[in-house]
């Protein structure tokens, strides 16, 4: 469910997590500890 107050979309977060795992070799354990904003930061750095 989309939340306008936090801009959180679980579908987008899942896509970002998959991209981190594929492109930067993050493990599932690492992804589980990251916030959505941290995931986006890693992809845009």
PDB file of N, CA and C in Angstrom:
ATOM      1  N   UNK A   1       0.841  -1.188   0.000  1.00  0.00           N
ATOM      2  CA  UNK A   1       0.000   0.000   0.000  1.00  0.00           C
ATOM      3  C   UNK A   1       0.881   1.245   0.000  1.00  0.00           C
ATOM      4  N   UNK A   2       0.543   2.196  -0.827  1.00  0.00           N
ATOM      5  CA  UNK A   2       1.286   3.442  -0.948  1.00  0.00           C
ATOM      6  C   UNK A   2       0.939   4.362   0.219  1.00  0.00           C
ATOM      7  N   UNK A   3       1.955   4.949   0.825  1.00  0.00           N
ATOM      8  CA  UNK A   3       1.736   5.901   1.910  1.00  0.00           C
ATOM      9  C   UNK A   3       2.221   7.277   1.473  1.00  0.00           C
ATOM     10  N   UNK A   4       1.325   8.223   1.347  1.00  0.00           N
ATOM     11  CA  UNK A   4       1.695   9.572   0.909  1.00  0.00           C
ATOM     12  C   UNK A   4       2.582  10.276   1.919  1.00  0.00           C
ATOM     13  N   UNK A   5       2.465   9.931   3.187  1.00  0.00           N
ATOM     14  CA  UNK A   5       3.238  10.634   4.210  1.00  0.00           C
ATOM     15  C   UNK A   5       4.695  10.202   4.241  1.00  0.00           C
ATOM     16  N   UNK A   6       4.994   8.996   3.830  1.00  0.00           N
ATOM     17  CA  UNK A   6       6.377   8.518   3.888  1.00  0.00           C
ATOM     18  C   UNK A   6       6.955   8.223   2.512  1.00  0.00           C
ATOM     19  N   UNK A   7       6.148   8.335   1.465  1.00  0.00           N
ATOM     20  CA  UNK A   7       6.576   7.989   0.109  1.00  0.00           C
ATOM     21  C   UNK A   7       7.071   6.548   0.032  1.00  0.00           C
ATOM     22  N   UNK A   8       6.536   5.689   0.852  1.00  0.00           N
ATOM     23  CA  UNK A   8       6.942   4.291   0.901  1.00  0.00           C
ATOM     24  C   UNK A   8       6.021   3.463   0.036  1.00  0.00           C
ATOM     25  N   UNK A   9       6.619   2.740  -0.870  1.00  0.00           N
ATOM     26  CA  UNK A   9       5.886   1.836  -1.742  1.00  0.00           C
ATOM     27  C   UNK A   9       6.607   0.489  -1.688  1.00  0.00           C
ATOM     28  N   UNK A  10       6.008  -0.524  -1.081  1.00  0.00           N
ATOM     29  CA  UNK A  10       6.684  -1.811  -0.919  1.00  0.00           C
ATOM     30  C   UNK A  10       7.104  -2.447  -2.232  1.00  0.00           C
ATOM     31  N   UNK A  11       6.373  -2.204  -3.309  1.00  0.00           N
ATOM     32  CA  UNK A  11       6.748  -2.774  -4.603  1.00  0.00           C
ATOM     33  C   UNK A  11       8.046  -2.150  -5.093  1.00  0.00           C
ATOM     34  N   UNK A  12       8.148  -0.824  -4.951  1.00  0.00           N
ATOM     35  CA  UNK A  12       9.376  -0.133  -5.356  1.00  0.00           C
ATOM     36  C   UNK A  12      10.539  -0.566  -4.479  1.00  0.00           C
ATOM     37  N   UNK A  13      10.302  -0.721  -3.173  1.00  0.00           N
ATOM     38  CA  UNK A  13      11.373  -1.150  -2.281  1.00  0.00           C
ATOM     39  C   UNK A  13      11.882  -2.537  -2.691  1.00  0.00           C
ATOM     40  N   UNK A  14      10.995  -3.419  -3.062  1.00  0.00           N
ATOM     41  CA  UNK A  14      11.399  -4.758  -3.485  1.00  0.00           C
ATOM     42  C   UNK A  14      12.247  -4.688  -4.753  1.00  0.00           C
ATOM     43  N   UNK A  15      11.857  -3.827  -5.694  1.00  0.00           N
ATOM     44  CA  UNK A  15      12.626  -3.675  -6.922  1.00  0.00           C
ATOM     45  C   UNK A  15      14.016  -3.103  -6.632  1.00  0.00           C
ATOM     46  N   UNK A  16      14.081  -2.130  -5.734  1.00  0.00           N
ATOM     47  CA  UNK A  16      15.363  -1.530  -5.366  1.00  0.00           C
ATOM     48  C   UNK A  16      16.251  -2.567  -4.685  1.00  0.00           C
ATOM     49  N   UNK A  17      15.683  -3.367  -3.799  1.00  0.00           N
ATOM     50  CA  UNK A  17      16.457  -4.402  -3.109  1.00  0.00           C
ATOM     51  C   UNK A  17      17.014  -5.418  -4.103  1.00  0.00           C
ATOM     52  N   UNK A  18      16.204  -5.817  -5.078  1.00  0.00           N
ATOM     53  CA  UNK A  18      16.681  -6.762  -6.088  1.00  0.00           C
ATOM     54  C   UNK A  18      17.829  -6.168  -6.896  1.00  0.00           C
ATOM     55  N   UNK A  19      17.716  -4.885  -7.214  1.00  0.00           N
ATOM     56  CA  UNK A  19      18.783  -4.230  -7.983  1.00  0.00           C
ATOM     57  C   UNK A  19      20.069  -4.146  -7.168  1.00  0.00           C
ATOM     58  N   UNK A  20      19.963  -3.826  -5.873  1.00  0.00           N
ATOM     59  CA  UNK A  20      21.152  -3.790  -5.011  1.00  0.00           C
ATOM     60  C   UNK A  20      21.816  -5.153  -4.948  1.00  0.00           C
ATOM     61  N   UNK A  21      21.017  -6.182  -4.797  1.00  0.00           N
ATOM     62  CA  UNK A  21      21.557  -7.538  -4.719  1.00  0.00           C
ATOM     63  C   UNK A  21      22.266  -7.913  -6.015  1.00  0.00           C
ATOM     64  N   UNK A  22      21.684  -7.539  -7.130  1.00  0.00           N
ATOM     65  CA  UNK A  22      22.249  -7.898  -8.432  1.00  0.00           C
ATOM     66  C   UNK A  22      23.483  -7.065  -8.775  1.00  0.00           C
ATOM     67  N   UNK A  23      23.367  -5.742  -8.673  1.00  0.00           N
ATOM     68  CA  UNK A  23      24.436  -4.854  -9.134  1.00  0.00           C
ATOM     69  C   UNK A  23      25.579  -4.703  -8.143  1.00  0.00           C
ATOM     70  N   UNK A  24      25.277  -4.706  -6.860  1.00  0.00           N
ATOM     71  CA  UNK A  24      26.308  -4.430  -5.860  1.00  0.00           C
ATOM     72  C   UNK A  24      26.597  -5.619  -4.954  1.00  0.00           C
ATOM     73  N   UNK A  25      25.990  -6.766  -5.250  1.00  0.00           N
ATOM     74  CA  UNK A  25      26.221  -8.006  -4.498  1.00  0.00           C
ATOM     75  C   UNK A  25      25.917  -7.884  -3.010  1.00  0.00           C
ATOM     76  N   UNK A  26      24.844  -7.181  -2.677  1.00  0.00           N
ATOM     77  CA  UNK A  26      24.406  -7.126  -1.290  1.00  0.00           C
ATOM     78  C   UNK A  26      23.710  -8.442  -0.946  1.00  0.00           C
ATOM     79  N   UNK A  27      23.910  -8.906   0.262  1.00  0.00           N
ATOM     80  CA  UNK A  27      23.251 -10.138   0.700  1.00  0.00           C
ATOM     81  C   UNK A  27      21.858  -9.819   1.231  1.00  0.00           C
ATOM     82  N   UNK A  28      21.050 -10.859   1.336  1.00  0.00           N
ATOM     83  CA  UNK A  28      19.699 -10.683   1.877  1.00  0.00           C
ATOM     84  C   UNK A  28      19.754 -10.142   3.304  1.00  0.00           C
ATOM     85  N   UNK A  29      20.712 -10.604   4.099  1.00  0.00           N
ATOM     86  CA  UNK A  29      20.840 -10.142   5.479  1.00  0.00           C
ATOM     87  C   UNK A  29      21.157  -8.644   5.525  1.00  0.00           C
ATOM     88  N   UNK A  30      22.015  -8.190   4.623  1.00  0.00           N
ATOM     89  CA  UNK A  30      22.347  -6.762   4.573  1.00  0.00           C
ATOM     90  C   UNK A  30      21.128  -5.943   4.158  1.00  0.00           C
ATOM     91  N   UNK A  31      20.391  -6.436   3.191  1.00  0.00           N
ATOM     92  CA  UNK A  31      19.218  -5.710   2.706  1.00  0.00           C
ATOM     93  C   UNK A  31      18.145  -5.604   3.780  1.00  0.00           C
ATOM     94  N   UNK A  32      17.999  -6.632   4.596  1.00  0.00           N
ATOM     95  CA  UNK A  32      16.973  -6.632   5.639  1.00  0.00           C
ATOM     96  C   UNK A  32      17.236  -5.567   6.703  1.00  0.00           C
ATOM     97  N   UNK A  33      18.488  -5.156   6.858  1.00  0.00           N
ATOM     98  CA  UNK A  33      18.816  -4.155   7.884  1.00  0.00           C
ATOM     99  C   UNK A  33      18.779  -2.736   7.349  1.00  0.00           C
ATOM    100  N   UNK A  34      18.608  -2.578   6.045  1.00  0.00           N
ATOM    101  CA  UNK A  34      18.655  -1.249   5.428  1.00  0.00           C
ATOM    102  C   UNK A  34      17.281  -0.599   5.341  1.00  0.00           C
ATOM    103  N   UNK A  35      17.288   0.710   5.516  1.00  0.00           N
ATOM    104  CA  UNK A  35      16.059   1.465   5.275  1.00  0.00           C
ATOM    105  C   UNK A  35      15.938   1.717   3.778  1.00  0.00           C
ATOM    106  N   UNK A  36      14.774   2.077   3.330  1.00  0.00           N
ATOM    107  CA  UNK A  36      14.556   2.359   1.915  1.00  0.00           C
ATOM    108  C   UNK A  36      15.464   3.502   1.459  1.00  0.00           C
ATOM    109  N   UNK A  37      15.603   4.536   2.290  1.00  0.00           N
ATOM    110  CA  UNK A  37      16.443   5.674   1.907  1.00  0.00           C
ATOM    111  C   UNK A  37      17.904   5.262   1.766  1.00  0.00           C
ATOM    112  N   UNK A  38      18.365   4.337   2.607  1.00  0.00           N
ATOM    113  CA  UNK A  38      19.738   3.830   2.475  1.00  0.00           C
ATOM    114  C   UNK A  38      19.911   3.055   1.173  1.00  0.00           C
ATOM    115  N   UNK A  39      18.919   2.270   0.811  1.00  0.00           N
ATOM    116  CA  UNK A  39      18.987   1.522  -0.446  1.00  0.00           C
ATOM    117  C   UNK A  39      19.106   2.470  -1.627  1.00  0.00           C
ATOM    118  N   UNK A  40      18.274   3.510  -1.630  1.00  0.00           N
ATOM    119  CA  UNK A  40      18.304   4.483  -2.713  1.00  0.00           C
ATOM    120  C   UNK A  40      19.648   5.204  -2.739  1.00  0.00           C
ATOM    121  N   UNK A  41      20.184   5.538  -1.571  1.00  0.00           N
ATOM    122  CA  UNK A  41      21.475   6.208  -1.495  1.00  0.00           C
ATOM    123  C   UNK A  41      22.566   5.361  -2.156  1.00  0.00           C
ATOM    124  N   UNK A  42      22.608   4.082  -1.855  1.00  0.00           N
ATOM    125  CA  UNK A  42      23.619   3.195  -2.435  1.00  0.00           C
ATOM    126  C   UNK A  42      23.511   3.156  -3.965  1.00  0.00           C
ATOM    127  N   UNK A  43      22.309   3.183  -4.477  1.00  0.00           N
ATOM    128  CA  UNK A  43      22.116   3.118  -5.928  1.00  0.00           C
ATOM    129  C   UNK A  43      22.412   4.438  -6.625  1.00  0.00           C
ATOM    130  N   UNK A  44      22.327   5.534  -5.920  1.00  0.00           N
ATOM    131  CA  UNK A  44      22.562   6.832  -6.551  1.00  0.00           C
ATOM    132  C   UNK A  44      23.929   7.402  -6.248  1.00  0.00           C
ATOM    133  N   UNK A  45      24.699   6.766  -5.385  1.00  0.00           N
ATOM    134  CA  UNK A  45      26.027   7.262  -5.033  1.00  0.00           C
ATOM    135  C   UNK A  45      27.005   7.079  -6.171  1.00  0.00           C
TER     136      UNK A  45
END
